[in-house]
């Protein structure tokens, strides 16, 4: 079973003097969130990792089905994810809010996150 330091507001969570470690379905959900918040080309060691938010979301040719397909595809590629259900997305001018039931090898998690936010 994988373990990781919990992320809190995009930073490592060191509650008290020790890192807050998560595992199981919470660790898998955290990996999904980190993956979905990564913009295509953002990481210099792998320019092909991430989601093309500028090309898929913030465009005149925005297609809810295209972004849904891309997100579901990326999520299902995460190790430990078995399926997703009840996918919902809401787009406004600056972000896309995505929620779904995430089924993992360690149980179910209700997943909700803001993607592609531009401040």
Protein backbone atom coordinates (compact mmCIF):
# COMPACT_ATOMS: atom_id res chain seq x y z
CA UNK A 1 0.00 0.00 0.00
CA UNK A 2 1.37 3.38 -1.01
CA UNK A 3 1.84 6.18 1.50
CA UNK A 4 2.40 9.87 0.92
CA UNK A 5 2.65 13.12 2.83
CA UNK A 6 -0.75 14.79 2.80
CA UNK A 7 -1.05 17.98 0.78
CA UNK A 8 -2.87 20.91 2.35
CA UNK A 9 -3.47 23.97 0.16
CA UNK A 10 -0.90 22.68 -2.36
CA UNK A 11 1.79 22.33 0.29
CA UNK A 12 3.07 19.48 2.46
CA UNK A 13 1.01 19.09 5.64
CA UNK A 14 3.31 19.13 8.66
CA UNK A 15 0.72 19.32 11.40
CA UNK A 16 2.67 19.54 14.62
CA UNK A 17 6.26 18.40 14.25
CA UNK A 18 5.65 15.39 12.00
CA UNK A 19 4.38 15.10 8.44
CA UNK A 20 0.75 14.05 8.14
CA UNK A 21 0.93 10.77 6.18
CA UNK A 22 -2.01 9.35 4.24
CA UNK A 23 -2.55 5.99 2.59
CA UNK A 24 -5.24 3.93 0.95
CA UNK A 25 -8.12 5.63 -0.82
CA UNK A 26 -7.09 9.09 0.46
CA UNK A 27 -3.61 8.72 -1.05
CA UNK A 28 -5.09 7.58 -4.38
CA UNK A 29 -7.53 10.52 -4.40
CA UNK A 30 -4.64 12.89 -3.70
CA UNK A 31 -2.70 11.49 -6.68
CA UNK A 32 -5.79 12.03 -8.86
CA UNK A 33 -6.10 15.63 -7.69
CA UNK A 34 -2.41 16.37 -8.27
CA UNK A 35 -2.62 14.88 -11.76
CA UNK A 36 -5.74 16.84 -12.71
CA UNK A 37 -4.30 20.12 -11.45
CA UNK A 38 -1.19 19.76 -13.59
CA UNK A 39 -1.33 21.82 -16.79
CA UNK A 40 0.04 20.24 -19.96
CA UNK A 41 3.73 21.11 -20.28
CA UNK A 42 3.97 22.44 -16.72
CA UNK A 43 6.56 19.94 -15.51
CA UNK A 44 9.87 20.45 -17.29
CA UNK A 45 10.88 16.79 -16.94
CA UNK A 46 7.79 15.57 -18.83
CA UNK A 47 6.13 18.15 -21.09
CA UNK A 48 3.46 15.64 -22.13
CA UNK A 49 2.07 15.14 -18.62
CA UNK A 50 -0.98 17.12 -17.53
CA UNK A 51 -4.16 18.43 -19.12
CA UNK A 52 -4.34 20.97 -21.93
CA UNK A 53 -6.64 23.38 -20.11
CA UNK A 54 -5.94 26.23 -22.50
CA UNK A 55 -6.85 24.07 -25.49
CA UNK A 56 -9.79 22.20 -23.96
CA UNK A 57 -11.46 24.49 -21.43
CA UNK A 58 -10.52 28.10 -22.09
CA UNK A 59 -11.33 28.16 -25.77
CA UNK A 60 -14.20 29.21 -28.01
CA UNK A 61 -14.51 25.58 -29.12
CA UNK A 62 -15.14 24.37 -25.55
CA UNK A 63 -16.81 20.98 -25.63
CA UNK A 64 -18.04 19.57 -22.31
CA UNK A 65 -17.81 16.07 -23.75
CA UNK A 66 -14.16 16.49 -24.85
CA UNK A 67 -13.01 17.64 -21.40
CA UNK A 68 -15.12 14.94 -19.70
CA UNK A 69 -13.49 12.30 -21.89
CA UNK A 70 -10.00 13.67 -21.19
CA UNK A 71 -10.51 13.84 -17.42
CA UNK A 72 -12.06 10.38 -17.17
CA UNK A 73 -9.24 8.94 -19.27
CA UNK A 74 -6.56 10.54 -17.07
CA UNK A 75 -8.27 9.44 -13.84
CA UNK A 76 -8.65 5.84 -14.97
CA UNK A 77 -4.91 5.73 -15.75
CA UNK A 78 -4.03 6.42 -12.10
CA UNK A 79 -2.80 3.31 -10.32
CA UNK A 80 -5.36 2.11 -7.79
CA UNK A 81 -8.38 3.65 -9.52
CA UNK A 82 -10.91 1.04 -10.60
CA UNK A 83 -13.74 3.25 -11.90
CA UNK A 84 -15.59 6.53 -11.54
CA UNK A 85 -19.32 7.18 -11.33
CA UNK A 86 -21.72 10.14 -11.25
CA UNK A 87 -19.36 12.51 -13.09
CA UNK A 88 -20.37 16.19 -12.96
CA UNK A 89 -18.68 19.33 -14.24
CA UNK A 90 -19.55 23.02 -14.07
CA UNK A 91 -17.60 25.62 -16.05
CA UNK A 92 -17.56 29.34 -15.38
CA UNK A 93 -15.32 32.05 -16.86
CA UNK A 94 -12.25 31.19 -14.78
CA UNK A 95 -12.43 27.55 -13.75
CA UNK A 96 -13.95 24.14 -14.12
CA UNK A 97 -15.39 22.40 -11.06
CA UNK A 98 -15.37 18.61 -11.35
CA UNK A 99 -16.90 16.07 -9.00
CA UNK A 100 -17.46 12.34 -9.16
CA UNK A 101 -17.46 9.17 -7.09
CA UNK A 102 -13.99 7.67 -7.24
CA UNK A 103 -13.77 3.93 -6.76
CA UNK A 104 -10.35 2.63 -5.77
CA UNK A 105 -8.83 -0.67 -4.77
CA UNK A 106 -9.20 0.56 -1.16
CA UNK A 107 -12.76 1.88 -1.29
CA UNK A 108 -14.88 4.78 -2.50
CA UNK A 109 -14.14 8.51 -2.23
CA UNK A 110 -16.38 11.44 -3.13
CA UNK A 111 -14.07 13.60 -5.24
CA UNK A 112 -14.55 17.34 -5.82
CA UNK A 113 -11.99 19.83 -7.09
CA UNK A 114 -11.56 23.11 -8.96
CA UNK A 115 -9.49 22.75 -12.12
CA UNK A 116 -7.76 25.26 -14.30
CA UNK A 117 -8.42 28.24 -12.04
CA UNK A 118 -6.98 31.49 -13.38
CA UNK A 119 -6.58 34.15 -10.71
